[in-house]
Amino acid sequence: MNRYFLIFLAFAFWGCSNRTVTDDAKLEQRAKALHSKMVTIDTHTDTPLNFLRTGFDFTGQNNTAIGSKVDLAKMEQGGLDAAFFAVFIGQRECTPEMYAQVNAKAKEIFEAIYTTVNKHSNRASIATKPDDVYRLKKEGKRAIYIGVENGYPIGDDLSQVKLFYDMGARYITLCHTRNNQICDSSTDPEGPRHNGLSKFGREVVAEMNRLGMIVDVSHISDKAFYDVLEVSKAPVIASHSCARAICDNPRNLTDDMLRAIARNGGVVQMCILSEYVKKGEPNPARDSAYRALRRKWNNFRGLTPEQEKQATTEWYELEEKYPASLATVADVADHIDHMVKVMGIDHVGIGTDFDGGGGVDGCADASQMYRITMELLRRGYSESDIRKIWGENFLRVFREVEKRKERG
């Protein structure tokens, strides 16, 4: 091949590569500048699971907990103004004895959230109103909202919904990976228990509407989803869900479900848990290791606090030993593109599921949140549209749910 042609190709490649680096630098600058101006909200994290873990430091100054995704330093670095911390309780038996146990455990988690956040009141504060995030951003603080993931700990006592609301919870994810007393789950291997929303579940949705509490349809079965939309008199959210048309997973929402939420006036918060974003490559060694860990710890049921701590540590050690083949920020943006196309720009947001499995290549933790904005800018989204996705759409729903309460 001609020597001069090779030199030409080398310069052409260098020039193209250099332009890419320059373009990325400009996009990063634009993204960070936009984050400094707009309000950014992550509607689902499981960060309270880390509170008792060895090495966890909420300030982020000395956070050595393996796999920790959210702390104050990471939120500040990533330009994340607000996060919902989940009061999460895994599903177990629906009996009076278990209801009493998990209700007490949920209240302990509420208390731990307040204790942890209040200890650092110069940098963060508990938030309960839609506009709290704007006030706290002006004060240079992070806003920590509370959601309940899995309505299981309310038991069969409707008054507990108000109690959780009074404790600061602003949404309830009606169920988790298994059916409960409220509704069927999208992933229960035993199939439906209620064929959708139970009679008690209908009462729960009505009570949440009355209180001005947001109904969260992530995790629930397709039939339960449509039952909720039939019963709810206020807009609903999916706090951390993806598009099933892009990644065929029962946890994700079909196009018809996306359109139904848009008609309801609600919002779907795009989840960045990799297996919901893109089907990964098979990894038998990893799968076998996790099955063994689940067997060792009785599928994480009935553990003492010390056992829970050890099991969580071993889980994250496996994450380090067998890293998953992760989806990318571009794959996340593909879902957002699809949702916007199907639902419209006013019905899409972001709920990462950080500290509950969330994280993709390029946005591994809260310190890298601006990289999603970089990709949206790269795809031609306007600053106005990005503001909507990062918080304005969710806050519109939050306000509307409160207004419906006021109207009675």
Protein backbone atom coordinates (compact mmCIF):
# COMPACT_ATOMS: atom_id res chain seq x y z
CA MET A 1 0.00 0.00 0.00
CA ASN A 2 1.20 3.53 -0.77
CA ARG A 3 3.23 4.96 2.15
CA TYR A 4 1.61 8.39 1.80
CA PHE A 5 -1.85 6.85 1.85
CA LEU A 6 -1.01 5.12 5.15
CA ILE A 7 0.14 8.44 6.60
CA PHE A 8 -3.09 10.03 5.41
CA LEU A 9 -5.15 7.27 7.09
CA ALA A 10 -3.20 7.69 10.32
CA PHE A 11 -3.85 11.44 10.43
CA ALA A 12 -7.50 10.94 9.48
CA PHE A 13 -7.98 8.41 12.32
CA TRP A 14 -6.18 10.66 14.80
CA GLY A 15 -8.31 13.61 13.75
CA CYS A 16 -11.54 11.64 14.10
CA SER A 17 -10.49 10.25 17.50
CA ASN A 18 -9.44 13.69 18.69
CA ARG A 19 -12.78 15.18 17.60
CA THR A 20 -14.60 12.47 19.60
CA VAL A 21 -12.61 13.28 22.74
CA THR A 22 -13.24 17.00 22.22
CA ASP A 23 -16.94 16.43 21.58
CA ASP A 24 -17.23 14.32 24.74
CA ALA A 25 -15.45 16.99 26.77
CA LYS A 26 -17.88 19.61 25.49
CA LEU A 27 -20.88 17.38 26.20
CA GLU A 28 -19.63 16.74 29.73
CA GLN A 29 -19.21 20.46 30.30
CA ARG A 30 -22.72 21.15 28.98
CA ALA A 31 -24.21 18.33 31.03
CA LYS A 32 -22.61 19.44 34.28
CA ALA A 33 -23.63 23.05 33.65
CA LEU A 34 -27.22 21.91 33.07
CA HIS A 35 -27.21 19.85 36.26
CA SER A 36 -26.09 22.90 38.20
CA LYS A 37 -29.18 24.79 36.97
CA MET A 38 -31.95 22.21 36.84
CA VAL A 39 -33.44 19.94 39.50
CA THR A 40 -32.49 16.26 39.26
CA ILE A 41 -34.37 13.49 41.06
CA ASP A 42 -33.73 9.76 41.29
CA THR A 43 -37.03 8.20 42.37
CA HIS A 44 -35.70 4.87 43.60
CA THR A 45 -32.59 3.81 45.50
CA ASP A 46 -32.10 1.09 48.10
CA THR A 47 -29.39 2.99 49.94
CA PRO A 48 -30.80 2.30 53.46
CA LEU A 49 -29.72 -1.33 52.95
CA ASN A 50 -26.16 -0.04 53.35
CA PHE A 51 -26.65 1.82 56.60
CA LEU A 52 -25.50 -1.07 58.80
CA ARG A 53 -22.81 -2.34 56.43
CA THR A 54 -19.16 -2.27 57.39
CA GLY A 55 -17.38 0.68 55.85
CA PHE A 56 -20.48 2.63 54.77
CA ASP A 57 -20.08 6.37 55.23
CA PHE A 58 -23.04 8.49 54.10
CA THR A 59 -20.82 11.55 53.71
CA GLY A 60 -18.80 9.70 51.07
CA GLN A 61 -15.54 10.97 52.52
CA ASN A 62 -14.53 7.50 53.70
CA ASN A 63 -17.11 5.19 52.15
CA THR A 64 -15.39 1.84 51.74
CA ALA A 65 -18.53 -0.35 51.57
CA ILE A 66 -18.14 -2.63 48.55
CA GLY A 67 -20.65 -1.84 45.81
CA SER A 68 -22.09 1.28 47.49
CA LYS A 69 -23.70 3.49 44.82
CA VAL A 70 -25.14 6.48 46.68
CA ASP A 71 -23.66 8.79 49.27
CA LEU A 72 -23.54 12.58 49.61
CA ALA A 73 -20.20 12.98 47.85
CA LYS A 74 -21.36 10.86 44.90
CA MET A 75 -24.61 12.81 44.65
CA GLU A 76 -22.66 16.07 44.62
CA GLN A 77 -20.17 14.83 42.03
CA GLY A 78 -22.90 13.50 39.74
CA GLY A 79 -25.13 16.55 40.02
CA LEU A 80 -27.97 14.63 41.71
CA ASP A 81 -30.13 16.90 43.84
CA ALA A 82 -32.63 14.44 45.28
CA ALA A 83 -33.09 10.72 45.82
CA PHE A 84 -35.89 8.58 47.17
CA PHE A 85 -34.56 6.19 49.80
CA ALA A 86 -36.59 2.99 49.93
CA VAL A 87 -37.96 1.46 53.09
CA PHE A 88 -37.63 -2.01 51.58
CA ILE A 89 -38.90 -5.23 53.09
CA GLY A 90 -38.50 -8.53 51.23
CA GLN A 91 -41.62 -10.65 50.82
CA ARG A 92 -42.32 -13.44 53.26
CA GLU A 93 -45.45 -15.16 54.60
CA CYS A 94 -48.68 -13.19 54.83
CA THR A 95 -49.55 -14.05 58.44
CA PRO A 96 -50.40 -11.88 61.45
CA GLU A 97 -47.10 -12.83 63.10
CA MET A 98 -45.03 -11.86 60.06
CA TYR A 99 -47.02 -8.66 59.52
CA ALA A 100 -46.08 -7.59 63.06
CA GLN A 101 -42.40 -8.43 62.49
CA VAL A 102 -42.02 -6.67 59.16
CA ASN A 103 -44.03 -3.66 60.29
CA ALA A 104 -41.60 -3.18 63.17
CA LYS A 105 -38.65 -3.65 60.80
CA ALA A 106 -40.04 -1.03 58.40
CA LYS A 107 -40.33 1.47 61.23
CA GLU A 108 -36.71 0.78 62.19
CA ILE A 109 -35.65 1.63 58.61
CA PHE A 110 -37.65 4.88 58.69
CA GLU A 111 -35.86 5.77 61.93
CA ALA A 112 -32.48 4.89 60.45
CA ILE A 113 -33.09 7.15 57.45
CA TYR A 114 -33.94 10.10 59.69
CA THR A 115 -30.99 9.43 61.99
CA THR A 116 -28.52 9.12 59.12
CA VAL A 117 -29.72 12.20 57.25
CA ASN A 118 -30.15 14.41 60.31
CA LYS A 119 -26.59 13.60 61.38
CA HIS A 120 -25.46 15.48 58.25
CA SER A 121 -28.00 18.31 58.24
CA ASN A 122 -25.43 20.72 56.80
CA ARG A 123 -25.43 18.71 53.54
CA ALA A 124 -28.82 16.96 53.35
CA SER A 125 -32.35 17.09 54.66
CA ILE A 126 -35.48 14.94 54.65
CA ALA A 127 -37.97 16.21 52.07
CA THR A 128 -41.73 15.60 51.96
CA LYS A 129 -43.12 18.23 49.57
CA PRO A 130 -42.60 18.62 45.81
CA ASP A 131 -40.97 22.03 46.15
CA ASP A 132 -38.63 21.01 48.98
CA VAL A 133 -36.02 19.98 46.41
CA TYR A 134 -35.89 23.51 44.97
CA ARG A 135 -35.45 25.08 48.41
CA LEU A 136 -32.76 22.61 49.43
CA LYS A 137 -30.87 23.00 46.15
CA LYS A 138 -30.65 26.75 46.81
CA GLU A 139 -29.25 25.92 50.26
CA GLY A 140 -26.65 23.64 48.71
CA LYS A 141 -28.17 20.50 50.25
CA ARG A 142 -29.34 17.14 48.90
CA ALA A 143 -33.04 16.31 49.32
CA ILE A 144 -33.79 12.83 50.66
CA TYR A 145 -37.36 11.66 50.06
CA ILE A 146 -38.74 8.37 51.35
CA GLY A 147 -40.68 5.67 49.53
CA VAL A 148 -41.87 2.26 50.74
CA GLU A 149 -40.88 -0.58 48.42
CA ASN A 150 -43.37 -3.40 48.97
CA GLY A 151 -46.64 -2.68 50.76
CA TYR A 152 -46.24 -5.92 52.70
CA PRO A 153 -45.40 -4.28 56.09
CA ILE A 154 -48.77 -2.51 56.30
CA GLY A 155 -50.19 -6.00 56.86
CA ASP A 156 -53.98 -6.03 56.77
CA ASP A 157 -54.26 -2.79 58.75
CA LEU A 158 -55.26 0.10 56.48
CA SER A 159 -54.34 2.64 59.19
CA GLN A 160 -50.67 1.79 58.61
CA VAL A 161 -50.81 3.56 55.24
CA LYS A 162 -51.46 6.86 57.01
CA LEU A 163 -48.87 6.03 59.65
CA PHE A 164 -46.22 5.53 56.94
CA TYR A 165 -47.36 8.74 55.24
CA ASP A 166 -47.04 10.62 58.52
CA MET A 167 -43.53 9.16 58.90
CA GLY A 168 -42.59 10.79 55.60
CA ALA A 169 -43.26 8.15 52.92
CA ARG A 170 -44.57 9.69 49.72
CA TYR A 171 -45.11 6.56 47.68
CA ILE A 172 -45.70 2.86 48.19
CA THR A 173 -44.57 0.28 45.64
CA LEU A 174 -47.52 -2.06 46.08
CA CYS A 175 -45.53 -5.31 45.99
CA HIS A 176 -42.07 -6.68 45.22
CA THR A 177 -40.88 -9.92 43.59
CA ARG A 178 -43.60 -12.11 45.16
CA ASN A 179 -47.36 -11.76 45.58
CA ASN A 180 -48.54 -10.15 48.80
CA GLN A 181 -51.83 -9.24 50.45
CA ILE A 182 -52.27 -6.20 48.18
CA CYS A 183 -51.68 -7.54 44.68
CA ASP A 184 -49.89 -10.00 42.44
CA SER A 185 -46.25 -9.54 41.47
CA SER A 186 -44.92 -9.59 37.91
CA THR A 187 -42.30 -12.18 38.89
CA ASP A 188 -43.86 -14.61 41.36
CA PRO A 189 -42.92 -18.11 40.14
CA GLU A 190 -46.10 -19.54 41.64
CA GLY A 191 -48.31 -17.40 39.42
CA PRO A 192 -51.17 -15.09 40.46
CA ARG A 193 -52.79 -15.20 43.86
CA HIS A 194 -55.50 -12.54 43.44
CA ASN A 195 -55.72 -12.28 39.66
CA GLY A 196 -54.55 -8.67 39.97
CA LEU A 197 -55.35 -6.27 42.78
CA SER A 198 -56.95 -7.81 45.88
CA LYS A 199 -60.05 -6.37 47.57
CA PHE A 200 -57.75 -5.04 50.29
CA GLY A 201 -55.44 -3.69 47.60
CA ARG A 202 -58.28 -1.62 46.17
CA GLU A 203 -58.81 -0.14 49.63
CA VAL A 204 -55.08 0.61 49.87
CA VAL A 205 -55.08 2.49 46.55
CA ALA A 206 -58.17 4.48 47.59
CA GLU A 207 -56.56 5.34 50.94
CA MET A 208 -53.35 6.47 49.23
CA ASN A 209 -55.40 8.71 46.94
CA ARG A 210 -57.17 10.15 49.99
CA LEU A 211 -53.88 10.90 51.74
CA GLY A 212 -52.13 12.36 48.71
CA MET A 213 -49.67 9.46 48.57
CA ILE A 214 -48.31 8.33 45.18
CA VAL A 215 -49.19 4.82 43.99
CA ASP A 216 -46.17 3.03 42.51
CA VAL A 217 -46.86 0.26 39.97
CA SER A 218 -43.29 -1.01 39.49
CA HIS A 219 -43.02 -4.76 40.22
CA ILE A 220 -46.76 -5.46 40.04
CA SER A 221 -48.34 -7.89 37.55
CA ASP A 222 -49.89 -6.72 34.29
CA LYS A 223 -53.40 -7.45 35.56
CA ALA A 224 -52.74 -5.64 38.84
CA PHE A 225 -51.36 -2.71 36.82
CA TYR A 226 -54.61 -2.28 34.90
CA ASP A 227 -56.66 -2.78 38.07
CA VAL A 228 -54.74 0.07 39.73
CA LEU A 229 -55.40 2.41 36.83
CA GLU A 230 -59.09 1.54 37.01
CA VAL A 231 -59.26 2.25 40.75
CA SER A 232 -56.89 5.21 41.20
CA LYS A 233 -58.36 8.69 40.99
CA ALA A 234 -54.88 10.24 40.81
CA PRO A 235 -51.91 9.80 38.46
CA VAL A 236 -49.57 6.91 39.28
CA ILE A 237 -45.85 6.31 38.80
CA ALA A 238 -43.60 3.41 37.96
CA SER A 239 -40.68 4.41 40.18
CA HIS A 240 -38.13 2.14 38.45
CA SER A 241 -39.25 0.32 35.29
CA CYS A 242 -38.13 -0.09 31.67
CA ALA A 243 -39.74 -0.75 28.27
CA ARG A 244 -40.60 -4.39 27.53
CA ALA A 245 -40.43 -3.75 23.78
CA ILE A 246 -36.69 -3.03 24.16
CA CYS A 247 -35.92 -5.69 26.81
CA ASP A 248 -38.43 -8.52 27.15
CA ASN A 249 -38.60 -8.91 30.93
CA PRO A 250 -41.85 -9.26 32.93
CA ARG A 251 -40.63 -6.45 35.22
CA ASN A 252 -40.79 -4.06 32.28
CA LEU A 253 -43.85 -2.32 30.84
CA THR A 254 -45.46 -3.06 27.48
CA ASP A 255 -46.19 -0.25 25.04
CA ASP A 256 -49.88 -0.51 25.91
CA MET A 257 -49.00 -0.09 29.59
CA LEU A 258 -46.82 2.92 28.77
CA ARG A 259 -49.67 4.53 26.85
CA ALA A 260 -52.08 3.74 29.71
CA ILE A 261 -49.86 5.56 32.21
CA ALA A 262 -49.64 8.54 29.84
CA ARG A 263 -53.45 8.66 29.62
CA ASN A 264 -53.56 8.45 33.42
CA GLY A 265 -51.27 11.51 33.58
CA GLY A 266 -48.54 9.54 35.31
CA VAL A 267 -44.85 9.00 34.70
CA VAL A 268 -42.49 6.04 34.15
CA GLN A 269 -39.09 6.43 35.79
CA MET A 270 -36.47 4.65 33.67
CA CYS A 271 -34.60 2.00 35.69
CA ILE A 272 -30.91 1.35 35.05
CA LEU A 273 -30.70 -2.14 36.53
CA SER A 274 -28.81 -3.82 33.70
CA GLU A 275 -30.87 -6.98 33.27
CA TYR A 276 -34.00 -4.86 32.78
CA VAL A 277 -32.18 -2.67 30.24
CA LYS A 278 -30.59 -5.34 28.04
CA LYS A 279 -30.36 -9.13 28.18
CA GLY A 280 -26.83 -10.06 29.27
CA GLU A 281 -24.54 -12.80 28.07
CA PRO A 282 -24.92 -16.19 29.85
CA ASN A 283 -22.53 -16.61 32.79
CA PRO A 284 -22.93 -20.10 34.32
CA ALA A 285 -20.17 -19.62 36.93
CA ARG A 286 -21.75 -16.39 38.17
CA ASP A 287 -25.27 -17.90 38.23
CA SER A 288 -24.02 -20.95 40.13
CA ALA A 289 -22.23 -18.81 42.72
CA TYR A 290 -25.34 -16.75 43.38
CA ARG A 291 -27.54 -19.84 43.66
CA ALA A 292 -25.12 -21.24 46.24
CA LEU A 293 -25.20 -17.98 48.19
CA ARG A 294 -28.99 -17.98 48.24
CA ARG A 295 -29.01 -21.56 49.52
CA LYS A 296 -26.45 -20.70 52.19
CA TRP A 297 -28.54 -17.83 53.52
CA ASN A 298 -31.99 -19.45 53.18
CA ASN A 299 -32.86 -17.21 50.23
CA PHE A 300 -32.16 -14.26 52.59
CA ARG A 301 -35.19 -15.08 54.73
CA GLY A 302 -35.35 -15.17 58.51
CA LEU A 303 -31.85 -13.76 59.01
CA THR A 304 -30.65 -11.96 62.12
CA PRO A 305 -29.27 -8.44 61.60
CA GLU A 306 -25.73 -9.83 61.84
CA GLN A 307 -26.51 -12.54 59.28
CA GLU A 308 -28.08 -9.96 56.95
CA LYS A 309 -24.94 -7.89 57.20
CA GLN A 310 -22.70 -10.86 56.38
CA ALA A 311 -24.94 -12.07 53.54
CA THR A 312 -24.94 -8.60 51.97
CA THR A 313 -21.15 -8.42 52.21
CA GLU A 314 -20.82 -11.80 50.50
CA TRP A 315 -23.26 -10.71 47.79
CA TYR A 316 -21.15 -7.70 46.90
CA GLU A 317 -17.99 -9.81 47.03
CA LEU A 318 -19.52 -12.00 44.33
CA GLU A 319 -20.25 -8.86 42.32
CA GLU A 320 -16.54 -8.10 42.44
CA LYS A 321 -15.49 -11.68 41.62
CA TYR A 322 -18.01 -12.24 38.82
CA PRO A 323 -18.71 -8.84 37.25
CA ALA A 324 -21.85 -8.86 35.14
CA SER A 325 -21.92 -8.03 31.45
CA LEU A 326 -23.58 -4.67 31.81
CA ALA A 327 -25.81 -2.62 29.57
CA THR A 328 -24.52 0.84 28.69
CA VAL A 329 -25.70 4.42 29.04
CA ALA A 330 -26.54 4.28 25.33
CA ASP A 331 -28.81 1.28 26.03
CA VAL A 332 -30.52 3.28 28.78
CA ALA A 333 -31.08 6.13 26.33
CA ASP A 334 -32.60 3.65 23.85
CA HIS A 335 -35.32 2.93 26.41
CA ILE A 336 -35.84 6.63 27.05
CA ASP A 337 -36.10 7.24 23.28
CA HIS A 338 -38.70 4.49 23.02
CA MET A 339 -40.72 5.71 26.00
CA VAL A 340 -40.73 9.26 24.66
CA LYS A 341 -41.90 7.99 21.27
CA VAL A 342 -44.70 5.90 22.80
CA MET A 343 -45.78 8.13 25.73
CA GLY A 344 -44.58 11.63 24.93
CA ILE A 345 -41.85 13.64 26.61
CA ASP A 346 -44.08 14.58 29.59
CA HIS A 347 -44.28 11.05 31.00
CA VAL A 348 -40.67 9.86 31.33
CA GLY A 349 -38.24 10.17 34.24
CA ILE A 350 -35.36 8.34 35.96
CA GLY A 351 -35.31 5.91 38.92
CA THR A 352 -31.99 4.08 39.01
CA ASP A 353 -32.45 1.29 41.58
CA PHE A 354 -28.94 2.08 42.82
CA ASP A 355 -27.93 -0.03 45.81
CA GLY A 356 -30.61 -2.52 44.77
CA GLY A 357 -28.79 -3.78 41.69
CA GLY A 358 -28.92 -0.66 39.53
CA GLY A 359 -25.92 0.51 37.54
CA VAL A 360 -24.74 0.29 33.93
CA ASP A 361 -21.44 0.70 32.12
CA GLY A 362 -20.84 4.44 32.09
CA CYS A 363 -23.21 5.18 34.98
CA ALA A 364 -22.10 2.86 37.75
CA ASP A 365 -23.12 5.06 40.68
CA ALA A 366 -24.55 8.47 41.58
CA SER A 367 -21.26 10.26 40.81
CA GLN A 368 -21.81 9.55 37.09
CA MET A 369 -25.44 10.61 36.71
CA TYR A 370 -24.54 13.48 34.40
CA ARG A 371 -23.42 10.90 31.81
CA ILE A 372 -27.06 10.09 31.09
CA THR A 373 -27.53 13.78 30.34
CA MET A 374 -24.48 13.70 28.07
CA GLU A 375 -26.07 10.91 26.03
CA LEU A 376 -29.40 12.73 25.82
CA LEU A 377 -27.62 15.86 24.62
CA ARG A 378 -25.72 13.77 22.08
CA ARG A 379 -29.08 12.52 20.75
CA GLY A 380 -30.46 16.00 20.35
CA TYR A 381 -32.72 16.33 23.36
CA SER A 382 -33.36 19.96 24.25
CA GLU A 383 -32.52 21.37 27.67
CA SER A 384 -36.26 21.76 28.28
CA ASP A 385 -36.87 18.07 27.56
CA ILE A 386 -33.96 17.01 29.77
CA ARG A 387 -35.33 19.11 32.64
CA LYS A 388 -38.61 17.24 32.31
CA ILE A 389 -36.95 13.82 32.32
CA TRP A 390 -34.72 14.65 35.29
CA GLY A 391 -37.47 15.85 37.60
CA GLU A 392 -40.16 18.14 36.27
CA ASN A 393 -42.38 15.31 35.02
CA PHE A 394 -42.24 13.49 38.34
CA LEU A 395 -42.83 16.68 40.33
CA ARG A 396 -45.89 17.45 38.18
CA VAL A 397 -47.36 14.09 39.18
CA PHE A 398 -46.35 14.61 42.82
CA ARG A 399 -48.20 17.96 42.87
CA GLU A 400 -51.25 16.55 41.11
CA VAL A 401 -51.53 13.69 43.63
CA GLU A 402 -51.47 16.27 46.43
CA LYS A 403 -54.09 18.40 44.67
CA ARG A 404 -56.43 15.42 44.31
CA LYS A 405 -56.14 14.94 48.06
CA GLU A 406 -57.09 18.56 48.63
CA ARG A 407 -60.14 18.17 46.38
CA GLY A 408 -61.25 15.24 48.49
